[in-house]
Amino acid sequence: MIVYAQDVTTWGNCVVDGVPTLKCFEVVFNNLLTMSSALVILALFIMVTVAGFQYLTAFGNPEKIKKAQGTIRYAIIGFVLFLSAYLIITVIGTLFLGDPQKLLHFEIPSQ
């Protein structure tokens, strides 16, 4: 029995006779972006949760409050960087290619 991490037959026209071609790099790259985006959002959520817990359990200790505020600050900076990277990619795809999805659409020119 053969087990695949992802069924390559559902990848569209990049599979020729059941064998993935170089065109399938587009699908793999898209999967990596989706997975990394989910991990970034999960990390930001954990950072804010931990910082909130630190802030609540500081009991007026200025050092602990400052540490919790720093963690929240870095989480917000990380979110802003993540969001701005997404917006930059979308704007570049829209302005120069006419469609933001075309930026991740790789084409190999044929001769």
C-alpha atoms as a PDB file:
ATOM      1  CA  MET A   1       0.000   0.000   0.000  1.00  0.00           C
ATOM      2  CA  ILE A   2       1.440   3.388  -1.047  1.00  0.00           C
ATOM      3  CA  VAL A   3       0.725   6.360   1.180  1.00  0.00           C
ATOM      4  CA  TYR A   4       1.149   9.914  -0.132  1.00  0.00           C
ATOM      5  CA  ALA A   5       1.485  13.035   1.991  1.00  0.00           C
ATOM      6  CA  GLN A   6      -0.813  14.719  -0.491  1.00  0.00           C
ATOM      7  CA  ASP A   7      -2.559  13.111  -3.435  1.00  0.00           C
ATOM      8  CA  VAL A   8      -0.700  14.392  -6.510  1.00  0.00           C
ATOM      9  CA  THR A   9      -3.588  13.541  -8.816  1.00  0.00           C
ATOM     10  CA  THR A  10      -5.504  16.532  -7.439  1.00  0.00           C
ATOM     11  CA  TRP A  11      -2.730  19.022  -8.244  1.00  0.00           C
ATOM     12  CA  GLY A  12      -4.135  19.885 -11.655  1.00  0.00           C
ATOM     13  CA  ASN A  13      -2.206  19.971 -14.912  1.00  0.00           C
ATOM     14  CA  CYS A  14       1.276  19.705 -13.373  1.00  0.00           C
ATOM     15  CA  VAL A  15       1.042  15.908 -13.139  1.00  0.00           C
ATOM     16  CA  VAL A  16       1.828  13.997 -16.336  1.00  0.00           C
ATOM     17  CA  ASP A  17       1.028  10.265 -16.301  1.00  0.00           C
ATOM     18  CA  GLY A  18       0.960  10.271 -12.501  1.00  0.00           C
ATOM     19  CA  VAL A  19       4.419  11.874 -12.219  1.00  0.00           C
ATOM     20  CA  PRO A  20       4.759  15.406 -10.801  1.00  0.00           C
ATOM     21  CA  THR A  21       6.663  17.794 -13.062  1.00  0.00           C
ATOM     22  CA  LEU A  22       8.561  20.986 -12.324  1.00  0.00           C
ATOM     23  CA  LYS A  23       5.271  22.861 -12.662  1.00  0.00           C
ATOM     24  CA  CYS A  24       4.197  21.249  -9.359  1.00  0.00           C
ATOM     25  CA  PHE A  25       6.669  23.524  -7.554  1.00  0.00           C
ATOM     26  CA  GLU A  26       3.882  26.111  -7.658  1.00  0.00           C
ATOM     27  CA  VAL A  27       1.617  23.854  -5.604  1.00  0.00           C
ATOM     28  CA  VAL A  28       4.381  22.979  -3.135  1.00  0.00           C
ATOM     29  CA  PHE A  29       5.318  26.662  -2.709  1.00  0.00           C
ATOM     30  CA  ASN A  30       1.678  27.589  -2.126  1.00  0.00           C
ATOM     31  CA  ASN A  31       1.360  24.827   0.480  1.00  0.00           C
ATOM     32  CA  LEU A  32       4.504  26.073   2.246  1.00  0.00           C
ATOM     33  CA  LEU A  33       3.179  29.643   2.335  1.00  0.00           C
ATOM     34  CA  THR A  34      -0.147  28.491   3.731  1.00  0.00           C
ATOM     35  CA  MET A  35       1.512  26.361   6.396  1.00  0.00           C
ATOM     36  CA  SER A  36       4.004  29.059   7.410  1.00  0.00           C
ATOM     37  CA  SER A  37       1.207  31.648   7.630  1.00  0.00           C
ATOM     38  CA  ALA A  38      -0.731  29.389   9.979  1.00  0.00           C
ATOM     39  CA  LEU A  39       2.377  28.860  12.133  1.00  0.00           C
ATOM     40  CA  VAL A  40       3.047  32.611  12.332  1.00  0.00           C
ATOM     41  CA  ILE A  41      -0.522  33.315  13.423  1.00  0.00           C
ATOM     42  CA  LEU A  42      -0.350  30.507  16.003  1.00  0.00           C
ATOM     43  CA  ALA A  43       2.940  31.879  17.372  1.00  0.00           C
ATOM     44  CA  LEU A  44       1.474  35.380  17.627  1.00  0.00           C
ATOM     45  CA  PHE A  45      -1.568  34.037  19.471  1.00  0.00           C
ATOM     46  CA  ILE A  46       0.660  32.143  21.922  1.00  0.00           C
ATOM     47  CA  MET A  47       2.832  35.234  22.479  1.00  0.00           C
ATOM     48  CA  VAL A  48      -0.174  37.419  23.278  1.00  0.00           C
ATOM     49  CA  THR A  49      -1.654  34.755  25.565  1.00  0.00           C
ATOM     50  CA  VAL A  50       1.605  34.282  27.487  1.00  0.00           C
ATOM     51  CA  ALA A  51       2.123  38.037  27.759  1.00  0.00           C
ATOM     52  CA  GLY A  52      -1.412  38.499  29.044  1.00  0.00           C
ATOM     53  CA  PHE A  53      -0.859  35.793  31.650  1.00  0.00           C
ATOM     54  CA  GLN A  54       2.435  37.422  32.678  1.00  0.00           C
ATOM     55  CA  TYR A  55       0.714  40.785  32.969  1.00  0.00           C
ATOM     56  CA  LEU A  56      -2.106  39.365  35.090  1.00  0.00           C
ATOM     57  CA  THR A  57       0.271  37.550  37.436  1.00  0.00           C
ATOM     58  CA  ALA A  58       2.730  40.456  37.809  1.00  0.00           C
ATOM     59  CA  PHE A  59       0.941  41.736  40.958  1.00  0.00           C
ATOM     60  CA  GLY A  60       2.332  45.237  40.462  1.00  0.00           C
ATOM     61  CA  ASN A  61       5.954  44.149  40.025  1.00  0.00           C
ATOM     62  CA  PRO A  62       7.383  46.737  37.597  1.00  0.00           C
ATOM     63  CA  GLU A  63       9.944  44.312  36.100  1.00  0.00           C
ATOM     64  CA  LYS A  64       7.325  41.679  35.303  1.00  0.00           C
ATOM     65  CA  ILE A  65       4.938  44.284  33.891  1.00  0.00           C
ATOM     66  CA  LYS A  66       7.698  45.684  31.664  1.00  0.00           C
ATOM     67  CA  LYS A  67       8.550  42.160  30.453  1.00  0.00           C
ATOM     68  CA  ALA A  68       4.892  41.445  29.629  1.00  0.00           C
ATOM     69  CA  GLN A  69       4.525  44.756  27.816  1.00  0.00           C
ATOM     70  CA  GLY A  70       7.680  43.995  25.815  1.00  0.00           C
ATOM     71  CA  THR A  71       6.280  40.620  24.781  1.00  0.00           C
ATOM     72  CA  ILE A  72       3.015  42.209  23.663  1.00  0.00           C
ATOM     73  CA  ARG A  73       4.961  44.899  21.794  1.00  0.00           C
ATOM     74  CA  TYR A  74       7.008  42.274  19.921  1.00  0.00           C
ATOM     75  CA  ALA A  75       3.872  40.300  19.113  1.00  0.00           C
ATOM     76  CA  ILE A  76       2.251  43.405  17.635  1.00  0.00           C
ATOM     77  CA  ILE A  77       5.414  44.230  15.664  1.00  0.00           C
ATOM     78  CA  GLY A  78       5.472  40.664  14.329  1.00  0.00           C
ATOM     79  CA  PHE A  79       1.832  40.886  13.306  1.00  0.00           C
ATOM     80  CA  VAL A  80       2.409  44.205  11.543  1.00  0.00           C
ATOM     81  CA  LEU A  81       5.403  42.758   9.669  1.00  0.00           C
ATOM     82  CA  PHE A  82       3.424  39.666   8.677  1.00  0.00           C
ATOM     83  CA  LEU A  83       0.467  41.729   7.501  1.00  0.00           C
ATOM     84  CA  SER A  84       2.637  44.217   5.605  1.00  0.00           C
ATOM     85  CA  ALA A  85       4.499  41.389   3.810  1.00  0.00           C
ATOM     86  CA  TYR A  86       1.159  39.949   2.704  1.00  0.00           C
ATOM     87  CA  LEU A  87      -0.072  43.351   1.557  1.00  0.00           C
ATOM     88  CA  ILE A  88       3.160  44.072  -0.332  1.00  0.00           C
ATOM     89  CA  ILE A  89       2.929  40.765  -2.197  1.00  0.00           C
ATOM     90  CA  THR A  90      -0.738  41.420  -3.004  1.00  0.00           C
ATOM     91  CA  VAL A  91      -0.063  44.977  -4.214  1.00  0.00           C
ATOM     92  CA  ILE A  92       2.880  43.868  -6.392  1.00  0.00           C
ATOM     93  CA  GLY A  93       0.774  41.099  -7.905  1.00  0.00           C
ATOM     94  CA  THR A  94      -2.129  43.451  -8.568  1.00  0.00           C
ATOM     95  CA  LEU A  95      -0.162  46.391  -9.967  1.00  0.00           C
ATOM     96  CA  PHE A  96       2.360  44.567 -12.132  1.00  0.00           C
ATOM     97  CA  LEU A  97       0.560  41.353 -13.042  1.00  0.00           C
ATOM     98  CA  GLY A  98      -3.102  42.367 -12.888  1.00  0.00           C
ATOM     99  CA  ASP A  99      -3.997  39.530 -10.521  1.00  0.00           C
ATOM    100  CA  PRO A 100      -2.449  38.824  -7.098  1.00  0.00           C
ATOM    101  CA  GLN A 101      -2.687  35.067  -7.740  1.00  0.00           C
ATOM    102  CA  LYS A 102      -0.396  35.321 -10.770  1.00  0.00           C
ATOM    103  CA  LEU A 103       2.588  36.156  -8.571  1.00  0.00           C
ATOM    104  CA  LEU A 104       2.651  32.568  -7.347  1.00  0.00           C
ATOM    105  CA  HIS A 105       1.866  31.124 -10.759  1.00  0.00           C
ATOM    106  CA  PHE A 106       5.113  29.907 -12.300  1.00  0.00           C
ATOM    107  CA  GLU A 107       5.411  29.414 -16.022  1.00  0.00           C
ATOM    108  CA  ILE A 108       8.286  27.750 -17.798  1.00  0.00           C
ATOM    109  CA  PRO A 109       8.592  29.256 -21.286  1.00  0.00           C
ATOM    110  CA  SER A 110       8.646  26.722 -24.068  1.00  0.00           C
ATOM    111  CA  GLN A 111      10.850  27.123 -27.101  1.00  0.00           C
END
